[in-house]
């Protein structure tokens, strides 16, 4: 996706936020959020696949983060198998990790 395409998507979202009628605005936001939920798993898997591919090519964590457009911590989390929020991370001393 080019910068121009990203800009157009952002502008479309800005337009939703500017809908004057509260009920109409909230309804539109709900529709947008529902559509995005459908895409999230596919988008996350695609990003995960690219991160693992780049790492397999010997690309550094920092370069991967830069190329993928995310934080270093997110790249590290992906490579460790974490997904979602920090609340899904195994805790130190958790019996499931002690094996």
C-alpha atoms as a PDB file:
ATOM      1  CA  UNK A   1       0.000   0.000   0.000  1.00  0.00           C
ATOM      2  CA  UNK A   2       1.415   3.317  -0.947  1.00  0.00           C
ATOM      3  CA  UNK A   3       1.514   6.359   1.312  1.00  0.00           C
ATOM      4  CA  UNK A   4      -1.243   7.817  -0.851  1.00  0.00           C
ATOM      5  CA  UNK A   5      -3.516   4.837  -0.199  1.00  0.00           C
ATOM      6  CA  UNK A   6      -2.867   5.049   3.538  1.00  0.00           C
ATOM      7  CA  UNK A   7      -3.685   8.757   3.431  1.00  0.00           C
ATOM      8  CA  UNK A   8      -6.996   8.053   1.642  1.00  0.00           C
ATOM      9  CA  UNK A   9      -8.001   5.463   4.245  1.00  0.00           C
ATOM     10  CA  UNK A  10      -7.121   7.892   7.057  1.00  0.00           C
ATOM     11  CA  UNK A  11      -9.159  10.639   5.386  1.00  0.00           C
ATOM     12  CA  UNK A  12     -12.154   8.305   5.069  1.00  0.00           C
ATOM     13  CA  UNK A  13     -11.912   7.535   8.789  1.00  0.00           C
ATOM     14  CA  UNK A  14     -11.641  11.257   9.529  1.00  0.00           C
ATOM     15  CA  UNK A  15     -14.882  11.781   7.603  1.00  0.00           C
ATOM     16  CA  UNK A  16     -16.644   9.192   9.768  1.00  0.00           C
ATOM     17  CA  UNK A  17     -15.450  11.038  12.872  1.00  0.00           C
ATOM     18  CA  UNK A  18     -16.906  14.276  11.525  1.00  0.00           C
ATOM     19  CA  UNK A  19     -20.460  12.984  11.072  1.00  0.00           C
ATOM     20  CA  UNK A  20     -22.536  15.563  12.924  1.00  0.00           C
ATOM     21  CA  UNK A  21     -25.339  13.325  14.199  1.00  0.00           C
ATOM     22  CA  UNK A  22     -24.062  11.304  17.179  1.00  0.00           C
ATOM     23  CA  UNK A  23     -26.219   8.257  16.501  1.00  0.00           C
ATOM     24  CA  UNK A  24     -25.282   8.164  12.826  1.00  0.00           C
ATOM     25  CA  UNK A  25     -21.593   8.659  13.692  1.00  0.00           C
ATOM     26  CA  UNK A  26     -21.599   5.842  16.253  1.00  0.00           C
ATOM     27  CA  UNK A  27     -23.439   3.534  13.842  1.00  0.00           C
ATOM     28  CA  UNK A  28     -20.840   4.241  11.136  1.00  0.00           C
ATOM     29  CA  UNK A  29     -17.988   3.659  13.595  1.00  0.00           C
ATOM     30  CA  UNK A  30     -19.563   0.352  14.640  1.00  0.00           C
ATOM     31  CA  UNK A  31     -19.713  -0.753  11.011  1.00  0.00           C
ATOM     32  CA  UNK A  32     -16.079   0.187  10.421  1.00  0.00           C
ATOM     33  CA  UNK A  33     -14.947  -1.642  13.580  1.00  0.00           C
ATOM     34  CA  UNK A  34     -16.935  -4.771  12.620  1.00  0.00           C
ATOM     35  CA  UNK A  35     -15.344  -4.796   9.171  1.00  0.00           C
ATOM     36  CA  UNK A  36     -11.877  -4.453  10.674  1.00  0.00           C
ATOM     37  CA  UNK A  37     -12.400  -7.335  13.087  1.00  0.00           C
ATOM     38  CA  UNK A  38     -12.910  -9.555  10.038  1.00  0.00           C
ATOM     39  CA  UNK A  39      -9.535  -8.478   8.659  1.00  0.00           C
ATOM     40  CA  UNK A  40      -7.425  -8.521  11.834  1.00  0.00           C
ATOM     41  CA  UNK A  41      -6.546 -12.238  11.856  1.00  0.00           C
ATOM     42  CA  UNK A  42      -5.497 -12.209   8.209  1.00  0.00           C
ATOM     43  CA  UNK A  43      -3.505  -8.994   8.635  1.00  0.00           C
ATOM     44  CA  UNK A  44      -1.780 -10.291  11.775  1.00  0.00           C
ATOM     45  CA  UNK A  45      -0.888 -13.591  10.103  1.00  0.00           C
ATOM     46  CA  UNK A  46       0.510 -11.794   7.068  1.00  0.00           C
ATOM     47  CA  UNK A  47       2.642  -9.570   9.293  1.00  0.00           C
ATOM     48  CA  UNK A  48       3.782 -12.592  11.324  1.00  0.00           C
ATOM     49  CA  UNK A  49       4.770 -14.477   8.164  1.00  0.00           C
ATOM     50  CA  UNK A  50       6.803 -11.511   6.909  1.00  0.00           C
ATOM     51  CA  UNK A  51       8.551 -11.045  10.276  1.00  0.00           C
ATOM     52  CA  UNK A  52       9.569 -14.711  10.361  1.00  0.00           C
ATOM     53  CA  UNK A  53      10.652 -14.619   6.717  1.00  0.00           C
ATOM     54  CA  UNK A  54      12.813 -11.538   7.236  1.00  0.00           C
ATOM     55  CA  UNK A  55      14.330 -12.993  10.403  1.00  0.00           C
ATOM     56  CA  UNK A  56      15.065 -16.207   8.504  1.00  0.00           C
ATOM     57  CA  UNK A  57      16.988 -14.079   6.010  1.00  0.00           C
ATOM     58  CA  UNK A  58      19.114 -12.762   8.871  1.00  0.00           C
ATOM     59  CA  UNK A  59      17.549  -9.297   9.041  1.00  0.00           C
ATOM     60  CA  UNK A  60      18.010  -7.670  12.465  1.00  0.00           C
ATOM     61  CA  UNK A  61      15.065  -7.102  14.787  1.00  0.00           C
ATOM     62  CA  UNK A  62      15.405  -3.330  14.413  1.00  0.00           C
ATOM     63  CA  UNK A  63      15.470  -3.500  10.605  1.00  0.00           C
ATOM     64  CA  UNK A  64      12.431  -5.784  10.622  1.00  0.00           C
ATOM     65  CA  UNK A  65      10.563  -3.296  12.826  1.00  0.00           C
ATOM     66  CA  UNK A  66      11.495  -0.488  10.461  1.00  0.00           C
ATOM     67  CA  UNK A  67      10.521  -2.416   7.331  1.00  0.00           C
ATOM     68  CA  UNK A  68       7.242  -3.715   8.778  1.00  0.00           C
ATOM     69  CA  UNK A  69       6.344  -0.354  10.330  1.00  0.00           C
ATOM     70  CA  UNK A  70       5.970  -1.493  13.898  1.00  0.00           C
ATOM     71  CA  UNK A  71       7.899  -1.327  17.150  1.00  0.00           C
ATOM     72  CA  UNK A  72      10.913  -3.413  18.076  1.00  0.00           C
ATOM     73  CA  UNK A  73       8.907  -4.852  20.999  1.00  0.00           C
ATOM     74  CA  UNK A  74       6.163  -6.022  18.627  1.00  0.00           C
ATOM     75  CA  UNK A  75       8.707  -7.781  16.420  1.00  0.00           C
ATOM     76  CA  UNK A  76      10.184  -9.464  19.491  1.00  0.00           C
ATOM     77  CA  UNK A  77       6.716 -10.502  20.674  1.00  0.00           C
ATOM     78  CA  UNK A  78       5.856 -11.989  17.276  1.00  0.00           C
ATOM     79  CA  UNK A  79       9.090 -13.990  17.194  1.00  0.00           C
ATOM     80  CA  UNK A  80       8.432 -15.235  20.745  1.00  0.00           C
ATOM     81  CA  UNK A  81       4.957 -16.368  19.735  1.00  0.00           C
ATOM     82  CA  UNK A  82       3.046 -13.770  21.725  1.00  0.00           C
ATOM     83  CA  UNK A  83      -0.087 -12.260  20.278  1.00  0.00           C
ATOM     84  CA  UNK A  84      -2.537  -9.684  21.450  1.00  0.00           C
ATOM     85  CA  UNK A  85      -2.048  -7.697  24.608  1.00  0.00           C
ATOM     86  CA  UNK A  86       0.543  -8.275  27.270  1.00  0.00           C
ATOM     87  CA  UNK A  87      -2.085 -10.075  29.327  1.00  0.00           C
ATOM     88  CA  UNK A  88      -1.695 -13.077  26.998  1.00  0.00           C
ATOM     89  CA  UNK A  89       2.017 -13.446  27.689  1.00  0.00           C
ATOM     90  CA  UNK A  90       3.120 -16.363  29.836  1.00  0.00           C
ATOM     91  CA  UNK A  91       4.207 -15.236  33.289  1.00  0.00           C
ATOM     92  CA  UNK A  92       7.623 -16.022  34.714  1.00  0.00           C
ATOM     93  CA  UNK A  93       7.374 -19.119  36.820  1.00  0.00           C
ATOM     94  CA  UNK A  94       4.122 -20.185  35.139  1.00  0.00           C
ATOM     95  CA  UNK A  95       3.954 -23.996  35.286  1.00  0.00           C
ATOM     96  CA  UNK A  96       3.191 -24.171  31.571  1.00  0.00           C
ATOM     97  CA  UNK A  97       6.692 -22.798  30.897  1.00  0.00           C
ATOM     98  CA  UNK A  98       8.492 -24.937  33.445  1.00  0.00           C
ATOM     99  CA  UNK A  99       7.688 -27.969  31.433  1.00  0.00           C
END
